[in-house]
C-alpha atoms as a PDB file:
ATOM      1  CA  MET A   1       0.000   0.000   0.000  1.00  0.00           C
ATOM      2  CA  ASN A   2       2.769   2.448   0.937  1.00  0.00           C
ATOM      3  CA  GLU A   3       4.679   1.649  -2.245  1.00  0.00           C
ATOM      4  CA  LYS A   4       1.618   2.408  -4.342  1.00  0.00           C
ATOM      5  CA  LEU A   5       1.100   5.677  -2.469  1.00  0.00           C
ATOM      6  CA  ASN A   6       4.727   6.707  -3.026  1.00  0.00           C
ATOM      7  CA  LEU A   7       4.388   5.878  -6.716  1.00  0.00           C
ATOM      8  CA  LEU A   8       1.298   8.082  -7.019  1.00  0.00           C
ATOM      9  CA  GLU A   9       3.062  10.945  -5.255  1.00  0.00           C
ATOM     10  CA  LYS A  10       5.988  10.668  -7.675  1.00  0.00           C
ATOM     11  CA  GLN A  11       3.608  10.737 -10.651  1.00  0.00           C
ATOM     12  CA  LEU A  12       1.911  13.797  -9.188  1.00  0.00           C
ATOM     13  CA  ASP A  13       5.249  15.614  -8.761  1.00  0.00           C
ATOM     14  CA  ASP A  14       6.252  14.820 -12.338  1.00  0.00           C
ATOM     15  CA  THR A  15       2.916  16.041 -13.704  1.00  0.00           C
ATOM     16  CA  VAL A  16       3.065  19.286 -11.717  1.00  0.00           C
ATOM     17  CA  LEU A  17       6.622  19.928 -12.904  1.00  0.00           C
ATOM     18  CA  LYS A  18       5.656  19.369 -16.555  1.00  0.00           C
ATOM     19  CA  HIS A  19       2.677  21.679 -16.156  1.00  0.00           C
ATOM     20  CA  ARG A  20       4.845  24.435 -14.682  1.00  0.00           C
ATOM     21  CA  LEU A  21       7.450  24.082 -17.431  1.00  0.00           C
ATOM     22  CA  LEU A  22       4.682  24.312 -20.030  1.00  0.00           C
ATOM     23  CA  ILE A  23       3.436  27.583 -18.525  1.00  0.00           C
ATOM     24  CA  GLU A  24       6.945  29.080 -18.453  1.00  0.00           C
ATOM     25  CA  GLU A  25       7.583  27.999 -22.035  1.00  0.00           C
ATOM     26  CA  ASN A  26       4.383  29.619 -23.286  1.00  0.00           C
ATOM     27  CA  HIS A  27       5.142  32.737 -21.255  1.00  0.00           C
ATOM     28  CA  CYS A  28       8.576  33.079 -22.874  1.00  0.00           C
ATOM     29  CA  GLN A  29       7.007  32.745 -26.323  1.00  0.00           C
ATOM     30  CA  ARG A  30       4.832  35.811 -25.793  1.00  0.00           C
ATOM     31  CA  ILE A  31       5.746  38.916 -27.738  1.00  0.00           C
ATOM     32  CA  LYS A  32       7.030  41.518 -25.293  1.00  0.00           C
ATOM     33  CA  CYS A  33       6.905  45.264 -25.815  1.00  0.00           C
ATOM     34  CA  LYS A  34       7.883  48.210 -23.638  1.00  0.00           C
ATOM     35  CA  LYS A  35       5.566  51.153 -23.182  1.00  0.00           C
ATOM     36  CA  ARG A  36       6.310  54.484 -21.545  1.00  0.00           C
ATOM     37  CA  LEU A  37       3.649  55.442 -19.022  1.00  0.00           C
ATOM     38  CA  ARG A  38       3.609  59.136 -18.108  1.00  0.00           C
ATOM     39  CA  LEU A  39       2.003  60.009 -14.781  1.00  0.00           C
ATOM     40  CA  PHE A  40       0.895  63.536 -13.891  1.00  0.00           C
ATOM     41  CA  ILE A  41       0.595  63.766 -10.113  1.00  0.00           C
ATOM     42  CA  GLU A  42      -0.998  66.934  -8.812  1.00  0.00           C
ATOM     43  CA  PRO A  43      -1.138  67.252  -5.009  1.00  0.00           C
ATOM     44  CA  SER A  44      -4.442  68.103  -3.386  1.00  0.00           C
ATOM     45  CA  VAL A  45      -5.251  71.808  -3.335  1.00  0.00           C
ATOM     46  CA  ILE A  46      -5.534  72.019   0.434  1.00  0.00           C
ATOM     47  CA  LYS A  47      -3.214  69.887   2.525  1.00  0.00           C
ATOM     48  CA  THR A  48      -2.978  70.265   6.295  1.00  0.00           C
ATOM     49  CA  LYS A  49      -1.563  68.096   9.033  1.00  0.00           C
ATOM     50  CA  VAL A  50      -4.614  68.548  11.267  1.00  0.00           C
ATOM     51  CA  ILE A  51      -8.010  68.959   9.588  1.00  0.00           C
ATOM     52  CA  ASN A  52      -9.863  65.727  10.374  1.00  0.00           C
ATOM     53  CA  ASP A  53      -9.774  64.143  13.817  1.00  0.00           C
ATOM     54  CA  TYR A  54      -9.813  60.529  12.624  1.00  0.00           C
ATOM     55  CA  VAL A  55      -9.695  59.053  16.134  1.00  0.00           C
ATOM     56  CA  ASN A  56     -12.945  60.657  17.247  1.00  0.00           C
ATOM     57  CA  ASN A  57     -14.680  60.801  13.819  1.00  0.00           C
ATOM     58  CA  VAL A  58     -15.015  64.606  13.951  1.00  0.00           C
ATOM     59  CA  LYS A  59     -14.778  65.779  10.326  1.00  0.00           C
ATOM     60  CA  ILE A  60     -13.914  69.363   9.364  1.00  0.00           C
ATOM     61  CA  HIS A  61     -13.941  70.134   5.633  1.00  0.00           C
ATOM     62  CA  GLY A  62     -11.688  72.666   3.971  1.00  0.00           C
ATOM     63  CA  SER A  63     -14.639  75.001   3.311  1.00  0.00           C
ATOM     64  CA  ASP A  64     -15.294  75.041   7.062  1.00  0.00           C
ATOM     65  CA  LEU A  65     -11.836  76.510   7.656  1.00  0.00           C
ATOM     66  CA  ILE A  66     -11.515  78.897   4.688  1.00  0.00           C
ATOM     67  CA  LYS A  67     -13.591  82.043   4.275  1.00  0.00           C
ATOM     68  CA  ARG A  68     -12.109  83.585   1.127  1.00  0.00           C
ATOM     69  CA  ILE A  69      -9.250  82.979  -1.353  1.00  0.00           C
ATOM     70  CA  PHE A  70      -7.423  85.797  -3.175  1.00  0.00           C
ATOM     71  CA  LEU A  71      -5.313  85.516  -6.329  1.00  0.00           C
ATOM     72  CA  VAL A  72      -2.471  88.047  -6.197  1.00  0.00           C
ATOM     73  CA  GLU A  73      -0.278  89.053  -9.141  1.00  0.00           C
ATOM     74  CA  ASP A  74       2.682  91.340  -8.442  1.00  0.00           C
ATOM     75  CA  ASN A  75       1.179  92.359  -5.084  1.00  0.00           C
ATOM     76  CA  LEU A  76      -2.193  93.234  -6.687  1.00  0.00           C
ATOM     77  CA  ILE A  77      -5.390  91.335  -5.837  1.00  0.00           C
ATOM     78  CA  VAL A  78      -6.811  90.141  -9.175  1.00  0.00           C
ATOM     79  CA  ASN A  79      -9.526  87.605  -8.297  1.00  0.00           C
ATOM     80  CA  GLU A  80     -11.516  86.734  -5.207  1.00  0.00           C
ATOM     81  CA  PHE A  81     -13.136  83.339  -4.567  1.00  0.00           C
ATOM     82  CA  LEU A  82     -15.546  82.717  -1.704  1.00  0.00           C
ATOM     83  CA  CYS A  83     -15.770  79.316   0.013  1.00  0.00           C
ATOM     84  CA  GLY A  84     -18.595  77.593   1.831  1.00  0.00           C
ATOM     85  CA  GLU A  85     -22.273  78.427   1.393  1.00  0.00           C
ATOM     86  CA  ASN A  86     -21.783  81.737  -0.493  1.00  0.00           C
ATOM     87  CA  VAL A  87     -19.633  80.404  -3.341  1.00  0.00           C
ATOM     88  CA  ILE A  88     -18.987  82.863  -6.193  1.00  0.00           C
ATOM     89  CA  ASP A  89     -16.721  81.604  -8.967  1.00  0.00           C
ATOM     90  CA  ASP A  90     -14.477  84.053 -10.830  1.00  0.00           C
ATOM     91  CA  PHE A  91     -15.617  87.087  -8.825  1.00  0.00           C
ATOM     92  CA  TYR A  92     -13.657  90.192  -9.870  1.00  0.00           C
ATOM     93  CA  LEU A  93     -13.067  93.201  -7.664  1.00  0.00           C
ATOM     94  CA  ALA A  94     -13.375  96.832  -8.759  1.00  0.00           C
ATOM     95  CA  ASP A  95     -11.572  98.169 -11.812  1.00  0.00           C
ATOM     96  CA  ASP A  96      -8.851  99.679  -9.670  1.00  0.00           C
ATOM     97  CA  LYS A  97      -7.249  96.574  -8.278  1.00  0.00           C
ATOM     98  CA  THR A  98      -6.359  96.703  -4.623  1.00  0.00           C
ATOM     99  CA  HIS A  99      -2.672  97.033  -3.794  1.00  0.00           C
ATOM    100  CA  ILE A 100      -1.494  95.027  -0.807  1.00  0.00           C
ATOM    101  CA  ASN A 101       1.576  95.516   1.308  1.00  0.00           C
ATOM    102  CA  LEU A 102       3.226  92.159   1.997  1.00  0.00           C
ATOM    103  CA  VAL A 103       4.720  91.925   5.456  1.00  0.00           C
ATOM    104  CA  MET A 104       7.008  88.920   5.779  1.00  0.00           C
ATOM    105  CA  PRO A 105       7.906  88.293   9.454  1.00  0.00           C
ATOM    106  CA  SER A 106      11.106  86.418  10.178  1.00  0.00           C
ATOM    107  CA  GLU A 107      10.994  82.678  10.852  1.00  0.00           C
ATOM    108  CA  LYS A 108      12.028  83.313  14.461  1.00  0.00           C
ATOM    109  CA  SER A 109       9.131  85.695  15.120  1.00  0.00           C
ATOM    110  CA  VAL A 110       6.666  83.227  13.581  1.00  0.00           C
ATOM    111  CA  HIS A 111       7.748  80.477  15.976  1.00  0.00           C
ATOM    112  CA  GLU A 112       7.730  82.853  18.956  1.00  0.00           C
ATOM    113  CA  ASN A 113       4.161  84.040  18.265  1.00  0.00           C
ATOM    114  CA  GLN A 114       2.172  80.968  17.257  1.00  0.00           C
ATOM    115  CA  SER A 115      -1.126  82.934  17.224  1.00  0.00           C
ATOM    116  CA  TYR A 116       0.046  85.272  14.440  1.00  0.00           C
ATOM    117  CA  VAL A 117      -1.868  83.374  11.778  1.00  0.00           C
ATOM    118  CA  HIS A 118      -5.107  83.667  13.741  1.00  0.00           C
ATOM    119  CA  ASN A 119      -4.683  87.415  14.280  1.00  0.00           C
ATOM    120  CA  ASN A 120      -3.942  88.200  10.632  1.00  0.00           C
ATOM    121  CA  GLN A 121      -6.052  85.419   9.093  1.00  0.00           C
ATOM    122  CA  LEU A 122      -3.938  85.382   5.903  1.00  0.00           C
ATOM    123  CA  PHE A 123      -0.943  83.450   4.601  1.00  0.00           C
ATOM    124  CA  VAL A 124       0.600  82.376   1.288  1.00  0.00           C
ATOM    125  CA  HIS A 125       1.462  78.987  -0.140  1.00  0.00           C
ATOM    126  CA  GLU A 126       5.123  79.254   0.950  1.00  0.00           C
ATOM    127  CA  ASN A 127       3.767  79.310   4.534  1.00  0.00           C
ATOM    128  CA  SER A 128       4.863  82.973   4.786  1.00  0.00           C
ATOM    129  CA  LEU A 129       2.433  85.179   6.699  1.00  0.00           C
ATOM    130  CA  THR A 130       0.975  88.281   5.048  1.00  0.00           C
ATOM    131  CA  GLN A 131      -1.037  91.288   6.021  1.00  0.00           C
ATOM    132  CA  VAL A 132      -3.516  93.134   3.795  1.00  0.00           C
ATOM    133  CA  SER A 133      -3.844  96.892   3.650  1.00  0.00           C
ATOM    134  CA  ASN A 134      -6.872  98.158   1.713  1.00  0.00           C
ATOM    135  CA  SER A 135      -6.047 101.843   2.123  1.00  0.00           C
ATOM    136  CA  VAL A 136      -3.887 102.151  -1.023  1.00  0.00           C
ATOM    137  CA  ASN A 137      -5.224 101.715  -4.564  1.00  0.00           C
ATOM    138  CA  GLN A 138      -2.970 101.409  -7.585  1.00  0.00           C
ATOM    139  CA  PRO A 139      -3.817 100.540 -11.213  1.00  0.00           C
ATOM    140  CA  ASN A 140      -2.439  97.366 -12.690  1.00  0.00           C
ATOM    141  CA  SER A 141       1.022  97.852 -14.174  1.00  0.00           C
ATOM    142  CA  PRO A 142       1.368  96.502 -17.728  1.00  0.00           C
ATOM    143  CA  GLY A 143       3.974  93.939 -18.664  1.00  0.00           C
ATOM    144  CA  LYS A 144       4.880  90.394 -17.709  1.00  0.00           C
ATOM    145  CA  ILE A 145       3.680  89.066 -14.366  1.00  0.00           C
ATOM    146  CA  LYS A 146       6.704  88.571 -12.137  1.00  0.00           C
ATOM    147  CA  GLU A 147       5.109  87.020  -9.077  1.00  0.00           C
ATOM    148  CA  ARG A 148       1.858  85.206  -8.357  1.00  0.00           C
ATOM    149  CA  LYS A 149       0.643  84.256  -4.890  1.00  0.00           C
ATOM    150  CA  ILE A 150      -2.442  82.812  -3.258  1.00  0.00           C
ATOM    151  CA  LEU A 151      -3.818  84.384  -0.074  1.00  0.00           C
ATOM    152  CA  ILE A 152      -6.296  82.576   2.158  1.00  0.00           C
ATOM    153  CA  GLU A 153      -8.583  84.255   4.671  1.00  0.00           C
ATOM    154  CA  LEU A 154      -9.415  81.811   7.460  1.00  0.00           C
ATOM    155  CA  LYS A 155     -12.533  81.524   9.563  1.00  0.00           C
ATOM    156  CA  ASP A 156     -12.174  81.674  13.325  1.00  0.00           C
ATOM    157  CA  LEU A 157     -13.715  78.345  14.404  1.00  0.00           C
ATOM    158  CA  GLY A 158     -12.161  78.194  17.838  1.00  0.00           C
ATOM    159  CA  VAL A 159     -10.611  74.811  16.994  1.00  0.00           C
ATOM    160  CA  TYR A 160      -7.108  74.168  18.276  1.00  0.00           C
ATOM    161  CA  LYS A 161      -4.538  71.460  17.821  1.00  0.00           C
ATOM    162  CA  LEU A 162      -3.612  69.501  20.938  1.00  0.00           C
ATOM    163  CA  LYS A 163       0.047  69.281  21.816  1.00  0.00           C
ATOM    164  CA  GLU A 164       1.680  65.879  21.494  1.00  0.00           C
ATOM    165  CA  LYS A 165       1.475  64.874  25.173  1.00  0.00           C
ATOM    166  CA  ALA A 166      -2.088  66.176  25.542  1.00  0.00           C
ATOM    167  CA  SER A 167      -3.116  64.394  22.345  1.00  0.00           C
ATOM    168  CA  LEU A 168      -1.883  61.074  23.734  1.00  0.00           C
ATOM    169  CA  LEU A 169      -3.533  61.777  27.092  1.00  0.00           C
ATOM    170  CA  PHE A 170      -7.012  62.570  25.713  1.00  0.00           C
ATOM    171  CA  ASN A 171      -6.796  60.479  22.515  1.00  0.00           C
ATOM    172  CA  LYS A 172      -7.655  63.532  20.395  1.00  0.00           C
ATOM    173  CA  LYS A 173      -5.969  65.504  17.643  1.00  0.00           C
ATOM    174  CA  ALA A 174      -7.943  68.764  17.689  1.00  0.00           C
ATOM    175  CA  ASP A 175     -10.910  70.241  19.548  1.00  0.00           C
ATOM    176  CA  THR A 176     -12.380  73.419  21.067  1.00  0.00           C
ATOM    177  CA  LYS A 177     -11.270  74.860  24.409  1.00  0.00           C
ATOM    178  CA  THR A 178     -14.555  73.867  26.056  1.00  0.00           C
ATOM    179  CA  ASN A 179     -14.320  70.240  24.985  1.00  0.00           C
ATOM    180  CA  ILE A 180     -10.661  70.043  26.002  1.00  0.00           C
ATOM    181  CA  PHE A 181     -11.503  71.312  29.502  1.00  0.00           C
ATOM    182  CA  ILE A 182     -14.330  68.731  29.705  1.00  0.00           C
ATOM    183  CA  GLU A 183     -11.855  65.990  28.776  1.00  0.00           C
ATOM    184  CA  LEU A 184      -9.493  67.223  31.498  1.00  0.00           C
ATOM    185  CA  TRP A 185     -12.368  67.184  34.031  1.00  0.00           C
ATOM    186  CA  LYS A 186     -13.234  63.589  33.088  1.00  0.00           C
ATOM    187  CA  TYR A 187      -9.590  62.518  33.239  1.00  0.00           C
ATOM    188  CA  VAL A 188      -8.851  63.830  36.758  1.00  0.00           C
ATOM    189  CA  HIS A 189     -12.066  62.277  38.114  1.00  0.00           C
ATOM    190  CA  ASN A 190     -11.481  58.906  36.447  1.00  0.00           C
ATOM    191  CA  LYS A 191      -7.922  58.834  37.805  1.00  0.00           C
ATOM    192  CA  LYS A 192      -9.192  60.072  41.224  1.00  0.00           C
ATOM    193  CA  ILE A 193      -6.457  62.702  41.453  1.00  0.00           C
ATOM    194  CA  ILE A 194      -8.731  65.634  42.381  1.00  0.00           C
ATOM    195  CA  LYS A 195      -9.787  66.455  45.933  1.00  0.00           C
ATOM    196  CA  ASN A 196     -11.616  69.578  47.151  1.00  0.00           C
ATOM    197  CA  GLY A 197     -11.024  71.303  43.812  1.00  0.00           C
ATOM    198  CA  LYS A 198      -7.265  70.660  43.836  1.00  0.00           C
ATOM    199  CA  ILE A 199      -5.591  68.410  41.268  1.00  0.00           C
ATOM    200  CA  TYR A 200      -2.706  66.245  42.476  1.00  0.00           C
ATOM    201  CA  CYS A 201      -0.885  65.683  39.189  1.00  0.00           C
ATOM    202  CA  ASN A 202       0.291  62.237  38.155  1.00  0.00           C
ATOM    203  CA  GLU A 203       3.310  61.774  35.886  1.00  0.00           C
ATOM    204  CA  GLU A 204       1.324  62.482  32.687  1.00  0.00           C
ATOM    205  CA  LEU A 205      -0.201  65.751  33.939  1.00  0.00           C
ATOM    206  CA  LYS A 206       3.046  66.782  35.631  1.00  0.00           C
ATOM    207  CA  SER A 207       4.846  66.590  32.273  1.00  0.00           C
ATOM    208  CA  ILE A 208       2.192  68.874  30.734  1.00  0.00           C
ATOM    209  CA  LEU A 209       1.503  71.395  33.527  1.00  0.00           C
ATOM    210  CA  GLY A 210       4.956  71.331  35.142  1.00  0.00           C
ATOM    211  CA  VAL A 211       3.568  71.340  38.715  1.00  0.00           C
ATOM    212  CA  GLU A 212       2.734  68.676  41.290  1.00  0.00           C
ATOM    213  CA  LYS A 213      -0.616  70.140  42.415  1.00  0.00           C
ATOM    214  CA  ILE A 214      -2.847  72.938  41.170  1.00  0.00           C
ATOM    215  CA  ASN A 215      -6.373  74.245  41.688  1.00  0.00           C
ATOM    216  CA  ILE A 216      -8.796  73.330  38.918  1.00  0.00           C
ATOM    217  CA  GLU A 217      -9.615  76.999  38.198  1.00  0.00           C
ATOM    218  CA  GLU A 218      -5.910  77.854  37.793  1.00  0.00           C
ATOM    219  CA  VAL A 219      -5.313  75.384  34.954  1.00  0.00           C
ATOM    220  CA  LYS A 220      -4.238  77.204  31.775  1.00  0.00           C
ATOM    221  CA  LEU A 221      -5.278  75.566  28.524  1.00  0.00           C
ATOM    222  CA  ILE A 222      -2.286  77.091  26.761  1.00  0.00           C
ATOM    223  CA  ASN A 223      -0.333  74.125  28.158  1.00  0.00           C
ATOM    224  CA  PHE A 224      -2.591  71.754  26.195  1.00  0.00           C
ATOM    225  CA  ILE A 225      -3.242  73.520  22.872  1.00  0.00           C
ATOM    226  CA  GLU A 226      -1.489  75.262  19.992  1.00  0.00           C
ATOM    227  CA  PRO A 227      -2.676  76.760  16.667  1.00  0.00           C
ATOM    228  CA  LEU A 228      -3.647  74.473  13.800  1.00  0.00           C
ATOM    229  CA  ASP A 229      -0.892  73.620  11.349  1.00  0.00           C
ATOM    230  CA  LEU A 230      -0.554  75.994   8.413  1.00  0.00           C
ATOM    231  CA  ILE A 231      -2.246  75.077   5.148  1.00  0.00           C
ATOM    232  CA  HIS A 232       0.152  74.400   2.290  1.00  0.00           C
ATOM    233  CA  LEU A 233      -0.872  75.096  -1.307  1.00  0.00           C
ATOM    234  CA  PRO A 234       1.392  73.245  -3.764  1.00  0.00           C
ATOM    235  CA  SER A 235       1.923  75.098  -7.036  1.00  0.00           C
ATOM    236  CA  GLU A 236       3.681  72.417  -9.104  1.00  0.00           C
ATOM    237  CA  THR A 237       2.701  69.167 -10.776  1.00  0.00           C
ATOM    238  CA  ASP A 238       5.098  66.223 -10.582  1.00  0.00           C
ATOM    239  CA  ILE A 239       5.650  64.246 -13.808  1.00  0.00           C
ATOM    240  CA  TYR A 240       6.988  60.679 -13.799  1.00  0.00           C
ATOM    241  CA  ASP A 241       7.864  58.482 -16.800  1.00  0.00           C
ATOM    242  CA  ILE A 242       7.681  54.749 -16.067  1.00  0.00           C
ATOM    243  CA  GLU A 243       8.702  51.983 -18.466  1.00  0.00           C
ATOM    244  CA  VAL A 244       6.213  49.106 -18.379  1.00  0.00           C
ATOM    245  CA  GLU A 245       6.733  45.721 -20.073  1.00  0.00           C
ATOM    246  CA  LEU A 246       3.493  44.524 -21.652  1.00  0.00           C
ATOM    247  CA  ASP A 247       2.330  41.464 -23.579  1.00  0.00           C
ATOM    248  CA  ASP A 248       1.283  41.932 -27.163  1.00  0.00           C
ATOM    249  CA  LEU A 249      -2.469  41.307 -27.171  1.00  0.00           C
ATOM    250  CA  VAL A 250      -2.341  40.046 -30.784  1.00  0.00           C
ATOM    251  CA  ASP A 251      -0.457  36.841 -29.926  1.00  0.00           C
ATOM    252  CA  PHE A 252      -1.743  35.824 -26.517  1.00  0.00           C
ATOM    253  CA  PRO A 253      -1.437  32.032 -25.985  1.00  0.00           C
ATOM    254  CA  ILE A 254      -4.141  29.890 -24.420  1.00  0.00           C
ATOM    255  CA  LEU A 255      -2.632  27.764 -21.677  1.00  0.00           C
ATOM    256  CA  TYR A 256      -3.675  24.104 -21.603  1.00  0.00           C
ATOM    257  CA  GLN A 257      -4.571  22.779 -18.186  1.00  0.00           C
ATOM    258  CA  SER A 258      -4.123  19.031 -17.649  1.00  0.00           C
ATOM    259  CA  LYS A 259      -6.778  16.956 -15.832  1.00  0.00           C
ATOM    260  CA  LYS A 260      -4.228  14.500 -14.473  1.00  0.00           C
ATOM    261  CA  ILE A 261      -3.362  16.620 -11.456  1.00  0.00           C
ATOM    262  CA  PRO A 262      -6.858  16.704  -9.835  1.00  0.00           C
ATOM    263  CA  GLN A 263      -7.368  13.017 -10.688  1.00  0.00           C
ATOM    264  CA  LEU A 264      -4.138  11.978  -8.963  1.00  0.00           C
ATOM    265  CA  THR A 265      -4.913  14.202  -5.992  1.00  0.00           C
ATOM    266  CA  ARG A 266      -8.360  12.625  -5.597  1.00  0.00           C
ATOM    267  CA  LYS A 267      -6.833   9.127  -5.836  1.00  0.00           C
ATOM    268  CA  ILE A 268      -4.275   9.897  -3.131  1.00  0.00           C
ATOM    269  CA  ASN A 269      -7.012  11.204  -0.810  1.00  0.00           C
ATOM    270  CA  GLU A 270      -9.022   7.999  -1.312  1.00  0.00           C
ATOM    271  CA  ILE A 271      -5.973   5.842  -0.502  1.00  0.00           C
ATOM    272  CA  ASN A 272      -5.319   7.863   2.656  1.00  0.00           C
ATOM    273  CA  GLU A 273      -8.905   7.258   3.801  1.00  0.00           C
ATOM    274  CA  ILE A 274      -8.535   3.488   3.176  1.00  0.00           C
ATOM    275  CA  ILE A 275      -5.271   3.403   5.147  1.00  0.00           C
ATOM    276  CA  SER A 276      -6.945   5.214   8.050  1.00  0.00           C
ATOM    277  CA  MET A 277      -9.853   2.727   8.118  1.00  0.00           C
ATOM    278  CA  VAL A 278      -7.485  -0.278   7.981  1.00  0.00           C
ATOM    279  CA  ASN A 279      -5.374   1.106  10.838  1.00  0.00           C
ATOM    280  CA  GLU A 280      -8.505   1.550  12.946  1.00  0.00           C
ATOM    281  CA  LYS A 281      -9.548  -2.084  12.335  1.00  0.00           C
ATOM    282  CA  ILE A 282      -6.038  -3.325  13.158  1.00  0.00           C
ATOM    283  CA  SER A 283      -6.177  -1.415  16.445  1.00  0.00           C
ATOM    284  CA  VAL A 284      -9.535  -2.987  17.414  1.00  0.00           C
ATOM    285  CA  LEU A 285      -8.408  -6.522  16.541  1.00  0.00           C
ATOM    286  CA  SER A 286      -5.105  -6.120  18.389  1.00  0.00           C
ATOM    287  CA  GLU A 287      -6.937  -5.032  21.530  1.00  0.00           C
ATOM    288  CA  PHE A 288      -9.383  -7.953  21.203  1.00  0.00           C
ATOM    289  CA  ILE A 289      -6.515 -10.470  20.829  1.00  0.00           C
ATOM    290  CA  SER A 290      -4.735  -9.139  23.905  1.00  0.00           C
ATOM    291  CA  LYS A 291      -7.802  -8.915  26.196  1.00  0.00           C
ATOM    292  CA  GLY A 292     -10.118 -11.614  24.863  1.00  0.00           C
ATOM    293  CA  VAL A 293     -13.353 -12.049  26.864  1.00  0.00           C
ATOM    294  CA  ARG A 294     -12.585  -9.032  29.045  1.00  0.00           C
ATOM    295  CA  TYR A 295     -12.580  -6.819  25.940  1.00  0.00           C
ATOM    296  CA  ILE A 296     -16.078  -8.060  24.996  1.00  0.00           C
ATOM    297  CA  ASP A 297     -17.360  -7.517  28.542  1.00  0.00           C
ATOM    298  CA  GLU A 298     -16.030  -3.950  28.571  1.00  0.00           C
ATOM    299  CA  LYS A 299     -17.648  -3.135  25.246  1.00  0.00           C
ATOM    300  CA  CYS A 300     -20.959  -4.704  26.288  1.00  0.00           C
ATOM    301  CA  LEU A 301     -21.067  -2.624  29.495  1.00  0.00           C
ATOM    302  CA  ASP A 302     -20.600   0.555  27.513  1.00  0.00           C
ATOM    303  CA  ASP A 303     -24.106   2.031  27.028  1.00  0.00           C
ATOM    304  CA  ASN A 304     -22.880   4.243  24.229  1.00  0.00           C
ATOM    305  CA  ARG A 305     -22.097   1.247  22.000  1.00  0.00           C
ATOM    306  CA  SER A 306     -25.095  -0.633  20.601  1.00  0.00           C
ATOM    307  CA  PHE A 307     -22.934  -2.555  18.147  1.00  0.00           C
ATOM    308  CA  PHE A 308     -22.551  -5.644  20.341  1.00  0.00           C
ATOM    309  CA  TYR A 309     -26.313  -5.838  20.996  1.00  0.00           C
ATOM    310  CA  ASP A 310     -26.827  -6.836  17.383  1.00  0.00           C
ATOM    311  CA  PRO A 311     -27.775 -10.594  17.291  1.00  0.00           C
ATOM    312  CA  CYS A 312     -25.522 -11.252  14.294  1.00  0.00           C
ATOM    313  CA  VAL A 313     -22.575  -9.682  16.055  1.00  0.00           C
ATOM    314  CA  GLN A 314     -23.241 -11.641  19.247  1.00  0.00           C
ATOM    315  CA  GLU A 315     -23.410 -14.877  17.282  1.00  0.00           C
ATOM    316  CA  LYS A 316     -20.099 -14.226  15.525  1.00  0.00           C
ATOM    317  CA  VAL A 317     -18.445 -13.197  18.781  1.00  0.00           C
ATOM    318  CA  TYR A 318     -19.709 -16.387  20.463  1.00  0.00           C
ATOM    319  CA  ASN A 319     -18.316 -18.541  17.667  1.00  0.00           C
ATOM    320  CA  LEU A 320     -15.017 -16.665  17.818  1.00  0.00           C
ATOM    321  CA  ILE A 321     -14.685 -17.259  21.576  1.00  0.00           C
ATOM    322  CA  ASN A 322     -15.424 -20.977  21.179  1.00  0.00           C
ATOM    323  CA  HIS A 323     -12.815 -21.179  18.440  1.00  0.00           C
ATOM    324  CA  MET A 324     -10.215 -19.527  20.683  1.00  0.00           C
ATOM    325  CA  ASN A 325     -10.959 -21.997  23.531  1.00  0.00           C
END
């Protein structure tokens, strides 16, 4: 039996190998051609680090943050586009285009005063802050446009970004001051670190507030929040050329699939089932030979086995016992 099984396994291996070689041979016979695939990748118009709070499923769309967009050419406002409910496409200002005075603060001053963007409500796509002055009007100067910028006027939503430690503590990315204070109230009560209005800071709060204990009304939210990340407006489109190897669709071979493999697999499974049944019968007979009458008594006392209550079985067992004696 084992020899026959080994022979079938060898035949199966040979058939599988031939089938694989046939596939590779047909694949090599295909006519190959190289195509150049050109991809134009344009980044999204509005890209911020914190707009949607994915953890808490609080969605804020770009139109909820932006009030108005200005197109500026050589420091002159040319077009104005409104966002949100009052959308006006291609809305032009007066004939005398407004001249704006660009104020570019140094990088150091921007980092020192994080609220600058909220006070001025405008910035350009290089993340440089600007300020608009509507008091000076100047006609458009003819000639080639030297510089083009995009200004964005933001809405004041009262939404702030949580600092890294506070974000991990409350499992939030951004929220309002009221909701952040509510989260702090829940946290100190769940941790049972507040008593008579005084918070006894654990290691997490101590790293944020910098004190060991503090009254609840003295907590400053500036330790938990910071302004939202600046919006970046990309102005370029990336172009990539990729060489792709393709099959010629004119000469596409049809692969032949042999039926020998499933037939041999089915035959091997049947032989394995027969071997399992034979081994089970050998086990029963070996136990009967070793125990004899005691084996029959044990099986008869087992209520779960009705096999030995069959008259034919009892007759054969009786004859077998007499033959052994």
